[in-house]
């Protein structure tokens, strides 16, 4: 019989985590800009300026997604794919549906980071 935690109705060893999403990402390092460009084999395709050297692209990916999804960096965890272009990320605090929606919005907006040199045409 499983022991019960006195402070909750859940069995010991389990906890209510809240919302969490698993996200498959295909990263293209050494790009001209950081942006979501669409899908690649069922994964979200993201171009990053950072090189694929010493974890720089992984750190840039977490930073980029945190900024675009308006989440703290610690809410995005690289589960697998540390040395691969294909990565599996855990996003805490958002549902999978919300993550996909935010990625689509970023993709439509171009995903340009703050302070980037990309310019938008003026409407004069």
PDB file of N, CA and C in Angstrom:
ATOM      1  N   UNK A   1       0.833  -1.194   0.000  1.00  0.00           N
ATOM      2  CA  UNK A   1       0.000   0.000   0.000  1.00  0.00           C
ATOM      3  C   UNK A   1       0.874   1.252   0.000  1.00  0.00           C
ATOM      4  N   UNK A   2       0.496   2.254  -0.777  1.00  0.00           N
ATOM      5  CA  UNK A   2       1.293   3.460  -0.890  1.00  0.00           C
ATOM      6  C   UNK A   2       1.045   4.373   0.299  1.00  0.00           C
ATOM      7  N   UNK A   3       2.140   4.961   0.809  1.00  0.00           N
ATOM      8  CA  UNK A   3       2.000   5.922   1.907  1.00  0.00           C
ATOM      9  C   UNK A   3       1.390   7.206   1.377  1.00  0.00           C
ATOM     10  N   UNK A   4       0.651   7.860   2.198  1.00  0.00           N
ATOM     11  CA  UNK A   4       0.050   9.128   1.833  1.00  0.00           C
ATOM     12  C   UNK A   4       0.794  10.264   2.514  1.00  0.00           C
ATOM     13  N   UNK A   5       1.000  11.340   1.813  1.00  0.00           N
ATOM     14  CA  UNK A   5       1.597  12.536   2.375  1.00  0.00           C
ATOM     15  C   UNK A   5       0.511  13.213   3.197  1.00  0.00           C
ATOM     16  N   UNK A   6       0.808  13.537   4.438  1.00  0.00           N
ATOM     17  CA  UNK A   6      -0.202  14.129   5.331  1.00  0.00           C
ATOM     18  C   UNK A   6      -0.724  15.464   4.842  1.00  0.00           C
ATOM     19  N   UNK A   7       0.120  16.236   4.167  1.00  0.00           N
ATOM     20  CA  UNK A   7      -0.282  17.577   3.762  1.00  0.00           C
ATOM     21  C   UNK A   7      -1.041  17.613   2.431  1.00  0.00           C
ATOM     22  N   UNK A   8      -1.164  16.466   1.772  1.00  0.00           N
ATOM     23  CA  UNK A   8      -1.906  16.457   0.508  1.00  0.00           C
ATOM     24  C   UNK A   8      -2.538  15.096   0.284  1.00  0.00           C
ATOM     25  N   UNK A   9      -3.369  15.017  -0.737  1.00  0.00           N
ATOM     26  CA  UNK A   9      -4.016  13.761  -1.059  1.00  0.00           C
ATOM     27  C   UNK A   9      -3.238  12.959  -2.094  1.00  0.00           C
ATOM     28  N   UNK A  10      -2.038  13.438  -2.493  1.00  0.00           N
ATOM     29  CA  UNK A  10      -1.219  12.759  -3.479  1.00  0.00           C
ATOM     30  C   UNK A  10      -0.275  11.782  -2.797  1.00  0.00           C
ATOM     31  N   UNK A  11       0.046  10.646  -3.430  1.00  0.00           N
ATOM     32  CA  UNK A  11       0.996   9.700  -2.862  1.00  0.00           C
ATOM     33  C   UNK A  11       2.379  10.330  -2.718  1.00  0.00           C
ATOM     34  N   UNK A  12       3.155   9.829  -1.757  1.00  0.00           N
ATOM     35  CA  UNK A  12       4.513  10.315  -1.556  1.00  0.00           C
ATOM     36  C   UNK A  12       5.298  10.116  -2.855  1.00  0.00           C
ATOM     37  N   UNK A  13       6.103  11.082  -3.225  1.00  0.00           N
ATOM     38  CA  UNK A  13       6.898  10.981  -4.448  1.00  0.00           C
ATOM     39  C   UNK A  13       6.234  11.637  -5.643  1.00  0.00           C
ATOM     40  N   UNK A  14       5.014  12.083  -5.499  1.00  0.00           N
ATOM     41  CA  UNK A  14       4.366  12.799  -6.600  1.00  0.00           C
ATOM     42  C   UNK A  14       3.929  14.153  -6.081  1.00  0.00           C
ATOM     43  N   UNK A  15       3.789  15.067  -6.979  1.00  0.00           N
ATOM     44  CA  UNK A  15       3.362  16.411  -6.601  1.00  0.00           C
ATOM     45  C   UNK A  15       2.654  17.039  -7.782  1.00  0.00           C
ATOM     46  N   UNK A  16       1.788  17.977  -7.479  1.00  0.00           N
ATOM     47  CA  UNK A  16       1.134  18.710  -8.548  1.00  0.00           C
ATOM     48  C   UNK A  16       2.115  19.775  -9.020  1.00  0.00           C
ATOM     49  N   UNK A  17       2.569  19.677 -10.244  1.00  0.00           N
ATOM     50  CA  UNK A  17       3.597  20.561 -10.770  1.00  0.00           C
ATOM     51  C   UNK A  17       2.978  21.827 -11.365  1.00  0.00           C
ATOM     52  N   UNK A  18       1.772  21.772 -11.780  1.00  0.00           N
ATOM     53  CA  UNK A  18       1.176  22.894 -12.487  1.00  0.00           C
ATOM     54  C   UNK A  18       1.306  22.656 -13.971  1.00  0.00           C
ATOM     55  N   UNK A  19       1.273  23.718 -14.750  1.00  0.00           N
ATOM     56  CA  UNK A  19       1.369  23.557 -16.194  1.00  0.00           C
ATOM     57  C   UNK A  19       2.811  23.325 -16.621  1.00  0.00           C
ATOM     58  N   UNK A  20       2.962  22.445 -17.604  1.00  0.00           N
ATOM     59  CA  UNK A  20       4.277  22.133 -18.139  1.00  0.00           C
ATOM     60  C   UNK A  20       4.097  21.680 -19.580  1.00  0.00           C
ATOM     61  N   UNK A  21       5.025  22.050 -20.427  1.00  0.00           N
ATOM     62  CA  UNK A  21       4.969  21.644 -21.831  1.00  0.00           C
ATOM     63  C   UNK A  21       6.312  21.062 -22.239  1.00  0.00           C
ATOM     64  N   UNK A  22       6.265  20.107 -23.140  1.00  0.00           N
ATOM     65  CA  UNK A  22       7.475  19.559 -23.750  1.00  0.00           C
ATOM     66  C   UNK A  22       7.497  20.077 -25.184  1.00  0.00           C
ATOM     67  N   UNK A  23       8.615  20.636 -25.577  1.00  0.00           N
ATOM     68  CA  UNK A  23       8.724  21.280 -26.878  1.00  0.00           C
ATOM     69  C   UNK A  23       9.891  20.680 -27.657  1.00  0.00           C
ATOM     70  N   UNK A  24       9.609  20.236 -28.884  1.00  0.00           N
ATOM     71  CA  UNK A  24      10.668  19.754 -29.778  1.00  0.00           C
ATOM     72  C   UNK A  24      11.126  20.928 -30.625  1.00  0.00           C
ATOM     73  N   UNK A  25      12.441  21.119 -30.687  1.00  0.00           N
ATOM     74  CA  UNK A  25      13.010  22.259 -31.407  1.00  0.00           C
ATOM     75  C   UNK A  25      14.134  21.771 -32.310  1.00  0.00           C
ATOM     76  N   UNK A  26      14.219  22.334 -33.508  1.00  0.00           N
ATOM     77  CA  UNK A  26      15.341  22.104 -34.413  1.00  0.00           C
ATOM     78  C   UNK A  26      16.074  23.436 -34.527  1.00  0.00           C
ATOM     79  N   UNK A  27      17.345  23.448 -34.102  1.00  0.00           N
ATOM     80  CA  UNK A  27      18.122  24.687 -34.047  1.00  0.00           C
ATOM     81  C   UNK A  27      19.070  24.781 -35.242  1.00  0.00           C
ATOM     82  N   UNK A  28      19.136  25.974 -35.823  1.00  0.00           N
ATOM     83  CA  UNK A  28      20.096  26.270 -36.886  1.00  0.00           C
ATOM     84  C   UNK A  28      21.038  27.336 -36.318  1.00  0.00           C
ATOM     85  N   UNK A  29      22.259  26.928 -35.899  1.00  0.00           N
ATOM     86  CA  UNK A  29      23.204  27.902 -35.335  1.00  0.00           C
ATOM     87  C   UNK A  29      23.884  28.728 -36.418  1.00  0.00           C
ATOM     88  N   UNK A  30      24.600  29.766 -36.012  1.00  0.00           N
ATOM     89  CA  UNK A  30      25.366  30.645 -36.907  1.00  0.00           C
ATOM     90  C   UNK A  30      24.492  31.352 -37.943  1.00  0.00           C
ATOM     91  N   UNK A  31      23.262  31.666 -37.574  1.00  0.00           N
ATOM     92  CA  UNK A  31      22.352  32.353 -38.496  1.00  0.00           C
ATOM     93  C   UNK A  31      22.596  33.867 -38.434  1.00  0.00           C
ATOM     94  N   UNK A  32      21.973  34.587 -39.345  1.00  0.00           N
ATOM     95  CA  UNK A  32      22.124  36.047 -39.369  1.00  0.00           C
ATOM     96  C   UNK A  32      21.350  36.720 -38.245  1.00  0.00           C
ATOM     97  N   UNK A  33      20.252  36.089 -37.801  1.00  0.00           N
ATOM     98  CA  UNK A  33      19.446  36.663 -36.720  1.00  0.00           C
ATOM     99  C   UNK A  33      18.793  35.541 -35.919  1.00  0.00           C
ATOM    100  N   UNK A  34      18.313  35.889 -34.724  1.00  0.00           N
ATOM    101  CA  UNK A  34      17.579  34.949 -33.888  1.00  0.00           C
ATOM    102  C   UNK A  34      16.105  35.042 -34.254  1.00  0.00           C
ATOM    103  N   UNK A  35      15.524  33.929 -34.728  1.00  0.00           N
ATOM    104  CA  UNK A  35      14.110  33.969 -35.092  1.00  0.00           C
ATOM    105  C   UNK A  35      13.531  32.566 -35.247  1.00  0.00           C
ATOM    106  N   UNK A  36      12.210  32.489 -35.062  1.00  0.00           N
ATOM    107  CA  UNK A  36      11.464  31.265 -35.340  1.00  0.00           C
ATOM    108  C   UNK A  36      11.110  31.318 -36.813  1.00  0.00           C
ATOM    109  N   UNK A  37      11.438  30.229 -37.551  1.00  0.00           N
ATOM    110  CA  UNK A  37      11.211  30.267 -38.997  1.00  0.00           C
ATOM    111  C   UNK A  37      10.172  29.278 -39.481  1.00  0.00           C
ATOM    112  N   UNK A  38       9.594  28.492 -38.587  1.00  0.00           N
ATOM    113  CA  UNK A  38       8.573  27.541 -39.009  1.00  0.00           C
ATOM    114  C   UNK A  38       8.758  26.197 -38.343  1.00  0.00           C
ATOM    115  N   UNK A  39       8.491  25.131 -39.115  1.00  0.00           N
ATOM    116  CA  UNK A  39       8.606  23.786 -38.571  1.00  0.00           C
ATOM    117  C   UNK A  39       9.577  22.960 -39.398  1.00  0.00           C
ATOM    118  N   UNK A  40      10.141  21.934 -38.739  1.00  0.00           N
ATOM    119  CA  UNK A  40      11.072  21.015 -39.389  1.00  0.00           C
ATOM    120  C   UNK A  40      10.835  19.637 -38.787  1.00  0.00           C
ATOM    121  N   UNK A  41      10.175  18.767 -39.536  1.00  0.00           N
ATOM    122  CA  UNK A  41       9.921  17.411 -39.061  1.00  0.00           C
ATOM    123  C   UNK A  41       9.114  17.344 -37.780  1.00  0.00           C
ATOM    124  N   UNK A  42       8.133  18.200 -37.624  1.00  0.00           N
ATOM    125  CA  UNK A  42       7.300  18.200 -36.428  1.00  0.00           C
ATOM    126  C   UNK A  42       7.865  19.016 -35.276  1.00  0.00           C
ATOM    127  N   UNK A  43       9.063  19.565 -35.454  1.00  0.00           N
ATOM    128  CA  UNK A  43       9.679  20.401 -34.418  1.00  0.00           C
ATOM    129  C   UNK A  43       9.630  21.858 -34.859  1.00  0.00           C
ATOM    130  N   UNK A  44       9.706  22.764 -33.904  1.00  0.00           N
ATOM    131  CA  UNK A  44       9.756  24.183 -34.224  1.00  0.00           C
ATOM    132  C   UNK A  44      11.185  24.516 -34.633  1.00  0.00           C
ATOM    133  N   UNK A  45      11.345  25.148 -35.787  1.00  0.00           N
ATOM    134  CA  UNK A  45      12.673  25.480 -36.309  1.00  0.00           C
ATOM    135  C   UNK A  45      13.031  26.897 -35.882  1.00  0.00           C
ATOM    136  N   UNK A  46      14.194  27.011 -35.206  1.00  0.00           N
ATOM    137  CA  UNK A  46      14.651  28.297 -34.687  1.00  0.00           C
ATOM    138  C   UNK A  46      16.069  28.555 -35.165  1.00  0.00           C
ATOM    139  N   UNK A  47      16.272  29.723 -35.774  1.00  0.00           N
ATOM    140  CA  UNK A  47      17.615  30.146 -36.178  1.00  0.00           C
ATOM    141  C   UNK A  47      18.203  30.999 -35.064  1.00  0.00           C
ATOM    142  N   UNK A  48      19.489  30.744 -34.755  1.00  0.00           N
ATOM    143  CA  UNK A  48      20.190  31.482 -33.709  1.00  0.00           C
ATOM    144  C   UNK A  48      21.522  31.995 -34.229  1.00  0.00           C
ATOM    145  N   UNK A  49      21.915  33.178 -33.802  1.00  0.00           N
ATOM    146  CA  UNK A  49      23.201  33.745 -34.203  1.00  0.00           C
ATOM    147  C   UNK A  49      24.362  33.032 -33.525  1.00  0.00           C
ATOM    148  N   UNK A  50      24.125  32.464 -32.367  1.00  0.00           N
ATOM    149  CA  UNK A  50      25.199  31.840 -31.589  1.00  0.00           C
ATOM    150  C   UNK A  50      25.774  30.616 -32.296  1.00  0.00           C
ATOM    151  N   UNK A  51      27.075  30.398 -32.137  1.00  0.00           N
ATOM    152  CA  UNK A  51      27.691  29.205 -32.727  1.00  0.00           C
ATOM    153  C   UNK A  51      27.391  27.966 -31.879  1.00  0.00           C
ATOM    154  N   UNK A  52      27.480  26.814 -32.503  1.00  0.00           N
ATOM    155  CA  UNK A  52      27.258  25.549 -31.795  1.00  0.00           C
ATOM    156  C   UNK A  52      28.575  25.099 -31.160  1.00  0.00           C
ATOM    157  N   UNK A  53      29.094  25.912 -30.256  1.00  0.00           N
ATOM    158  CA  UNK A  53      30.373  25.652 -29.605  1.00  0.00           C
ATOM    159  C   UNK A  53      30.208  25.856 -28.103  1.00  0.00           C
ATOM    160  N   UNK A  54      30.662  24.882 -27.308  1.00  0.00           N
ATOM    161  CA  UNK A  54      30.694  24.983 -25.849  1.00  0.00           C
ATOM    162  C   UNK A  54      29.358  25.409 -25.238  1.00  0.00           C
ATOM    163  N   UNK A  55      28.255  24.949 -25.794  1.00  0.00           N
ATOM    164  CA  UNK A  55      26.936  25.230 -25.229  1.00  0.00           C
ATOM    165  C   UNK A  55      26.402  26.628 -25.493  1.00  0.00           C
ATOM    166  N   UNK A  56      27.081  27.393 -26.337  1.00  0.00           N
ATOM    167  CA  UNK A  56      26.635  28.759 -26.601  1.00  0.00           C
ATOM    168  C   UNK A  56      25.274  28.794 -27.288  1.00  0.00           C
ATOM    169  N   UNK A  57      25.039  27.892 -28.234  1.00  0.00           N
ATOM    170  CA  UNK A  57      23.740  27.861 -28.918  1.00  0.00           C
ATOM    171  C   UNK A  57      22.640  27.423 -27.949  1.00  0.00           C
ATOM    172  N   UNK A  58      22.939  26.502 -27.043  1.00  0.00           N
ATOM    173  CA  UNK A  58      21.941  26.065 -26.056  1.00  0.00           C
ATOM    174  C   UNK A  58      21.555  27.220 -25.138  1.00  0.00           C
ATOM    175  N   UNK A  59      22.551  27.965 -24.659  1.00  0.00           N
ATOM    176  CA  UNK A  59      22.277  29.111 -23.793  1.00  0.00           C
ATOM    177  C   UNK A  59      21.489  30.177 -24.551  1.00  0.00           C
ATOM    178  N   UNK A  60      21.854  30.410 -25.821  1.00  0.00           N
ATOM    179  CA  UNK A  60      21.140  31.396 -26.638  1.00  0.00           C
ATOM    180  C   UNK A  60      19.698  30.956 -26.887  1.00  0.00           C
ATOM    181  N   UNK A  61      19.490  29.654 -27.067  1.00  0.00           N
ATOM    182  CA  UNK A  61      18.137  29.132 -27.279  1.00  0.00           C
ATOM    183  C   UNK A  61      17.261  29.389 -26.058  1.00  0.00           C
ATOM    184  N   UNK A  62      17.766  29.067 -24.875  1.00  0.00           N
ATOM    185  CA  UNK A  62      17.002  29.284 -23.639  1.00  0.00           C
ATOM    186  C   UNK A  62      16.719  30.767 -23.452  1.00  0.00           C
ATOM    187  N   UNK A  63      17.724  31.607 -23.677  1.00  0.00           N
ATOM    188  CA  UNK A  63      17.558  33.060 -23.532  1.00  0.00           C
ATOM    189  C   UNK A  63      16.515  33.586 -24.517  1.00  0.00           C
ATOM    190  N   UNK A  64      16.608  33.146 -25.781  1.00  0.00           N
ATOM    191  CA  UNK A  64      15.682  33.594 -26.821  1.00  0.00           C
ATOM    192  C   UNK A  64      14.242  33.190 -26.494  1.00  0.00           C
ATOM    193  N   UNK A  65      14.041  31.907 -26.139  1.00  0.00           N
ATOM    194  CA  UNK A  65      12.688  31.445 -25.835  1.00  0.00           C
ATOM    195  C   UNK A  65      12.128  32.132 -24.599  1.00  0.00           C
ATOM    196  N   UNK A  66      12.946  32.324 -23.582  1.00  0.00           N
ATOM    197  CA  UNK A  66      12.481  32.991 -22.358  1.00  0.00           C
ATOM    198  C   UNK A  66      12.028  34.414 -22.665  1.00  0.00           C
ATOM    199  N   UNK A  67      12.816  35.110 -23.465  1.00  0.00           N
ATOM    200  CA  UNK A  67      12.452  36.485 -23.826  1.00  0.00           C
ATOM    201  C   UNK A  67      11.179  36.523 -24.659  1.00  0.00           C
ATOM    202  N   UNK A  68      11.095  35.669 -25.659  1.00  0.00           N
ATOM    203  CA  UNK A  68       9.943  35.685 -26.558  1.00  0.00           C
ATOM    204  C   UNK A  68       8.656  35.227 -25.868  1.00  0.00           C
ATOM    205  N   UNK A  69       8.772  34.278 -24.942  1.00  0.00           N
ATOM    206  CA  UNK A  69       7.585  33.752 -24.252  1.00  0.00           C
ATOM    207  C   UNK A  69       7.298  34.493 -22.954  1.00  0.00           C
ATOM    208  N   UNK A  70       8.143  35.482 -22.648  1.00  0.00           N
ATOM    209  CA  UNK A  70       7.990  36.281 -21.442  1.00  0.00           C
ATOM    210  C   UNK A  70       7.970  35.401 -20.182  1.00  0.00           C
ATOM    211  N   UNK A  71       8.993  34.539 -20.101  1.00  0.00           N
ATOM    212  CA  UNK A  71       9.171  33.631 -18.974  1.00  0.00           C
ATOM    213  C   UNK A  71      10.565  33.821 -18.396  1.00  0.00           C
ATOM    214  N   UNK A  72      10.767  33.478 -17.116  1.00  0.00           N
ATOM    215  CA  UNK A  72      12.138  33.488 -16.595  1.00  0.00           C
ATOM    216  C   UNK A  72      12.934  32.348 -17.221  1.00  0.00           C
ATOM    217  N   UNK A  73      14.242  32.535 -17.360  1.00  0.00           N
ATOM    218  CA  UNK A  73      15.069  31.509 -17.995  1.00  0.00           C
ATOM    219  C   UNK A  73      15.011  30.171 -17.275  1.00  0.00           C
ATOM    220  N   UNK A  74      14.876  30.204 -15.947  1.00  0.00           N
ATOM    221  CA  UNK A  74      14.849  28.937 -15.206  1.00  0.00           C
ATOM    222  C   UNK A  74      13.601  28.106 -15.493  1.00  0.00           C
ATOM    223  N   UNK A  75      12.598  28.682 -16.161  1.00  0.00           N
ATOM    224  CA  UNK A  75      11.382  27.954 -16.517  1.00  0.00           C
ATOM    225  C   UNK A  75      11.575  27.114 -17.777  1.00  0.00           C
ATOM    226  N   UNK A  76      12.714  27.284 -18.457  1.00  0.00           N
ATOM    227  CA  UNK A  76      12.994  26.535 -19.688  1.00  0.00           C
ATOM    228  C   UNK A  76      14.201  25.637 -19.428  1.00  0.00           C
ATOM    229  N   UNK A  77      13.978  24.332 -19.545  1.00  0.00           N
ATOM    230  CA  UNK A  77      15.012  23.349 -19.221  1.00  0.00           C
ATOM    231  C   UNK A  77      15.288  22.481 -20.441  1.00  0.00           C
ATOM    232  N   UNK A  78      16.552  22.382 -20.823  1.00  0.00           N
ATOM    233  CA  UNK A  78      16.961  21.517 -21.929  1.00  0.00           C
ATOM    234  C   UNK A  78      16.993  20.080 -21.416  1.00  0.00           C
ATOM    235  N   UNK A  79      16.032  19.269 -21.854  1.00  0.00           N
ATOM    236  CA  UNK A  79      15.913  17.887 -21.401  1.00  0.00           C
ATOM    237  C   UNK A  79      16.882  16.968 -22.138  1.00  0.00           C
ATOM    238  N   UNK A  80      16.987  17.127 -23.458  1.00  0.00           N
ATOM    239  CA  UNK A  80      17.898  16.304 -24.245  1.00  0.00           C
ATOM    240  C   UNK A  80      18.304  17.057 -25.504  1.00  0.00           C
ATOM    241  N   UNK A  81      19.406  16.598 -26.108  1.00  0.00           N
ATOM    242  CA  UNK A  81      19.892  17.206 -27.333  1.00  0.00           C
ATOM    243  C   UNK A  81      20.970  18.242 -27.102  1.00  0.00           C
ATOM    244  N   UNK A  82      21.706  18.106 -25.998  1.00  0.00           N
ATOM    245  CA  UNK A  82      22.750  19.078 -25.685  1.00  0.00           C
ATOM    246  C   UNK A  82      23.762  19.236 -26.818  1.00  0.00           C
ATOM    247  N   UNK A  83      24.047  18.162 -27.561  1.00  0.00           N
ATOM    248  CA  UNK A  83      25.031  18.222 -28.645  1.00  0.00           C
ATOM    249  C   UNK A  83      24.404  17.945 -30.011  1.00  0.00           C
ATOM    250  N   UNK A  84      23.118  18.207 -30.127  1.00  0.00           N
ATOM    251  CA  UNK A  84      22.395  17.936 -31.364  1.00  0.00           C
ATOM    252  C   UNK A  84      21.615  19.171 -31.781  1.00  0.00           C
ATOM    253  N   UNK A  85      21.274  19.248 -33.042  1.00  0.00           N
ATOM    254  CA  UNK A  85      20.393  20.336 -33.494  1.00  0.00           C
ATOM    255  C   UNK A  85      18.955  20.091 -33.063  1.00  0.00           C
ATOM    256  N   UNK A  86      18.605  18.811 -32.888  1.00  0.00           N
ATOM    257  CA  UNK A  86      17.256  18.448 -32.438  1.00  0.00           C
ATOM    258  C   UNK A  86      17.254  18.383 -30.922  1.00  0.00           C
ATOM    259  N   UNK A  87      16.403  19.184 -30.297  1.00  0.00           N
ATOM    260  CA  UNK A  87      16.400  19.324 -28.846  1.00  0.00           C
ATOM    261  C   UNK A  87      15.000  19.119 -28.288  1.00  0.00           C
ATOM    262  N   UNK A  88      14.959  18.700 -27.046  1.00  0.00           N
ATOM    263  CA  UNK A  88      13.711  18.534 -26.315  1.00  0.00           C
ATOM    264  C   UNK A  88      13.795  19.452 -25.106  1.00  0.00           C
ATOM    265  N   UNK A  89      12.834  20.367 -25.002  1.00  0.00           N
ATOM    266  CA  UNK A  89      12.824  21.341 -23.919  1.00  0.00           C
ATOM    267  C   UNK A  89      11.585  21.170 -23.059  1.00  0.00           C
ATOM    268  N   UNK A  90      11.757  21.382 -21.766  1.00  0.00           N
ATOM    269  CA  UNK A  90      10.609  21.419 -20.851  1.00  0.00           C
ATOM    270  C   UNK A  90      10.362  22.883 -20.515  1.00  0.00           C
ATOM    271  N   UNK A  91       9.114  23.308 -20.706  1.00  0.00           N
ATOM    272  CA  UNK A  91       8.724  24.688 -20.415  1.00  0.00           C
ATOM    273  C   UNK A  91       7.764  24.647 -19.231  1.00  0.00           C
ATOM    274  N   UNK A  92       8.186  25.172 -18.095  1.00  0.00           N
ATOM    275  CA  UNK A  92       7.341  25.191 -16.900  1.00  0.00           C
ATOM    276  C   UNK A  92       6.494  26.453 -16.886  1.00  0.00           C
ATOM    277  N   UNK A  93       5.232  26.303 -16.498  1.00  0.00           N
ATOM    278  CA  UNK A  93       4.349  27.446 -16.349  1.00  0.00           C
ATOM    279  C   UNK A  93       3.422  27.699 -17.516  1.00  0.00           C
ATOM    280  N   UNK A  94       3.579  26.962 -18.610  1.00  0.00           N
ATOM    281  CA  UNK A  94       2.700  27.124 -19.767  1.00  0.00           C
ATOM    282  C   UNK A  94       2.235  25.760 -20.261  1.00  0.00           C
ATOM    283  N   UNK A  95       1.045  25.715 -20.826  1.00  0.00           N
ATOM    284  CA  UNK A  95       0.561  24.484 -21.448  1.00  0.00           C
ATOM    285  C   UNK A  95       1.198  24.359 -22.829  1.00  0.00           C
ATOM    286  N   UNK A  96       1.160  23.141 -23.396  1.00  0.00           N
ATOM    287  CA  UNK A  96       1.705  22.946 -24.745  1.00  0.00           C
ATOM    288  C   UNK A  96       0.986  23.832 -25.754  1.00  0.00           C
ATOM    289  N   UNK A  97      -0.319  23.956 -25.589  1.00  0.00           N
ATOM    290  CA  UNK A  97      -1.102  24.794 -26.510  1.00  0.00           C
ATOM    291  C   UNK A  97      -0.643  26.246 -26.446  1.00  0.00           C
ATOM    292  N   UNK A  98      -0.393  26.761 -25.235  1.00  0.00           N
ATOM    293  CA  UNK A  98       0.054  28.143 -25.073  1.00  0.00           C
ATOM    294  C   UNK A  98       1.461  28.338 -25.636  1.00  0.00           C
ATOM    295  N   UNK A  99       2.344  27.371 -25.452  1.00  0.00           N
ATOM    296  CA  UNK A  99       3.698  27.452 -26.004  1.00  0.00           C
ATOM    297  C   UNK A  99       3.640  27.516 -27.523  1.00  0.00           C
ATOM    298  N   UNK A 100       2.855  26.630 -28.138  1.00  0.00           N
ATOM    299  CA  UNK A 100       2.719  26.628 -29.609  1.00  0.00           C
ATOM    300  C   UNK A 100       2.142  27.949 -30.102  1.00  0.00           C
ATOM    301  N   UNK A 101       1.141  28.471 -29.372  1.00  0.00           N
ATOM    302  CA  UNK A 101       0.524  29.737 -29.768  1.00  0.00           C
ATOM    303  C   UNK A 101       1.559  30.867 -29.724  1.00  0.00           C
ATOM    304  N   UNK A 102       2.341  30.918 -28.661  1.00  0.00           N
ATOM    305  CA  UNK A 102       3.346  31.969 -28.534  1.00  0.00           C
ATOM    306  C   UNK A 102       4.439  31.826 -29.586  1.00  0.00           C
ATOM    307  N   UNK A 103       4.801  30.596 -29.932  1.00  0.00           N
ATOM    308  CA  UNK A 103       5.806  30.387 -30.984  1.00  0.00           C
ATOM    309  C   UNK A 103       5.273  30.822 -32.337  1.00  0.00           C
ATOM    310  N   UNK A 104       3.995  30.587 -32.597  1.00  0.00           N
ATOM    311  CA  UNK A 104       3.397  31.038 -33.861  1.00  0.00           C
ATOM    312  C   UNK A 104       3.389  32.556 -33.923  1.00  0.00           C
ATOM    313  N   UNK A 105       3.068  33.221 -32.811  1.00  0.00           N
ATOM    314  CA  UNK A 105       3.054  34.682 -32.775  1.00  0.00           C
ATOM    315  C   UNK A 105       4.454  35.212 -33.044  1.00  0.00           C
ATOM    316  N   UNK A 106       5.465  34.626 -32.411  1.00  0.00           N
ATOM    317  CA  UNK A 106       6.855  35.040 -32.621  1.00  0.00           C
ATOM    318  C   UNK A 106       7.238  34.832 -34.075  1.00  0.00           C
ATOM    319  N   UNK A 107       6.829  33.704 -34.659  1.00  0.00           N
ATOM    320  CA  UNK A 107       7.143  33.398 -36.048  1.00  0.00           C
ATOM    321  C   UNK A 107       6.533  34.439 -36.985  1.00  0.00           C
ATOM    322  N   UNK A 108       5.297  34.824 -36.718  1.00  0.00           N
ATOM    323  CA  UNK A 108       4.632  35.811 -37.574  1.00  0.00           C
ATOM    324  C   UNK A 108       5.258  37.190 -37.433  1.00  0.00           C
ATOM    325  N   UNK A 109       5.755  37.501 -36.213  1.00  0.00           N
ATOM    326  CA  UNK A 109       6.361  38.811 -35.976  1.00  0.00           C
ATOM    327  C   UNK A 109       7.807  38.850 -36.427  1.00  0.00           C
ATOM    328  N   UNK A 110       8.368  37.710 -36.786  1.00  0.00           N
ATOM    329  CA  UNK A 110       9.752  37.679 -37.228  1.00  0.00           C
ATOM    330  C   UNK A 110      10.724  37.289 -36.142  1.00  0.00           C
ATOM    331  N   UNK A 111      10.319  37.361 -34.881  1.00  0.00           N
ATOM    332  CA  UNK A 111      11.159  36.914 -33.781  1.00  0.00           C
ATOM    333  C   UNK A 111      12.429  37.716 -33.581  1.00  0.00           C
ATOM    334  N   UNK A 112      12.471  38.965 -34.025  1.00  0.00           N
ATOM    335  CA  UNK A 112      13.680  39.763 -33.863  1.00  0.00           C
ATOM    336  C   UNK A 112      13.861  40.131 -32.402  1.00  0.00           C
ATOM    337  N   UNK A 113      15.036  39.905 -31.845  1.00  0.00           N
ATOM    338  CA  UNK A 113      15.278  40.244 -30.449  1.00  0.00           C
ATOM    339  C   UNK A 113      15.376  41.746 -30.252  1.00  0.00           C
ATOM    340  N   UNK A 114      15.210  42.179 -28.994  1.00  0.00           N
ATOM    341  CA  UNK A 114      15.365  43.595 -28.675  1.00  0.00           C
ATOM    342  C   UNK A 114      16.780  44.036 -29.019  1.00  0.00           C
ATOM    343  N   UNK A 115      16.896  45.242 -29.519  1.00  0.00           N
ATOM    344  CA  UNK A 115      18.214  45.765 -29.839  1.00  0.00           C
ATOM    345  C   UNK A 115      18.828  45.196 -31.105  1.00  0.00           C
ATOM    346  N   UNK A 116      18.061  44.451 -31.867  1.00  0.00           N
ATOM    347  CA  UNK A 116      18.623  43.879 -33.091  1.00  0.00           C
ATOM    348  C   UNK A 116      18.729  44.960 -34.156  1.00  0.00           C
ATOM    349  N   UNK A 117      19.499  44.667 -35.172  1.00  0.00           N
ATOM    350  CA  UNK A 117      19.720  45.651 -36.233  1.00  0.00           C
ATOM    351  C   UNK A 117      18.698  45.531 -37.349  1.00  0.00           C
ATOM    352  N   UNK A 118      17.727  44.624 -37.194  1.00  0.00           N
ATOM    353  CA  UNK A 118      16.700  44.493 -38.228  1.00  0.00           C
ATOM    354  C   UNK A 118      15.809  45.725 -38.182  1.00  0.00           C
ATOM    355  N   UNK A 119      15.485  46.255 -39.339  1.00  0.00           N
ATOM    356  CA  UNK A 119      14.623  47.434 -39.394  1.00  0.00           C
ATOM    357  C   UNK A 119      13.320  47.081 -40.068  1.00  0.00           C
ATOM    358  N   UNK A 120      12.314  47.819 -39.717  1.00  0.00           N
ATOM    359  CA  UNK A 120      11.000  47.626 -40.317  1.00  0.00           C
ATOM    360  C   UNK A 120      10.730  48.811 -41.244  1.00  0.00           C
ATOM    361  N   UNK A 121      10.072  48.569 -42.349  1.00  0.00           N
ATOM    362  CA  UNK A 121       9.773  49.629 -43.298  1.00  0.00           C
ATOM    363  C   UNK A 121       8.816  50.638 -42.666  1.00  0.00           C
ATOM    364  N   UNK A 122       9.096  51.892 -42.831  1.00  0.00           N
ATOM    365  CA  UNK A 122       8.200  52.900 -42.276  1.00  0.00           C
ATOM    366  C   UNK A 122       7.039  53.117 -43.230  1.00  0.00           C
ATOM    367  N   UNK A 123       5.944  53.583 -42.694  1.00  0.00           N
ATOM    368  CA  UNK A 123       4.736  53.771 -43.512  1.00  0.00           C
ATOM    369  C   UNK A 123       4.548  55.259 -43.792  1.00  0.00           C
ATOM    370  N   UNK A 124       5.404  55.802 -44.614  1.00  0.00           N
ATOM    371  CA  UNK A 124       5.290  57.220 -44.965  1.00  0.00           C
ATOM    372  C   UNK A 124       4.600  57.409 -46.252  1.00  0.00           C
TER     373      UNK A 124
END
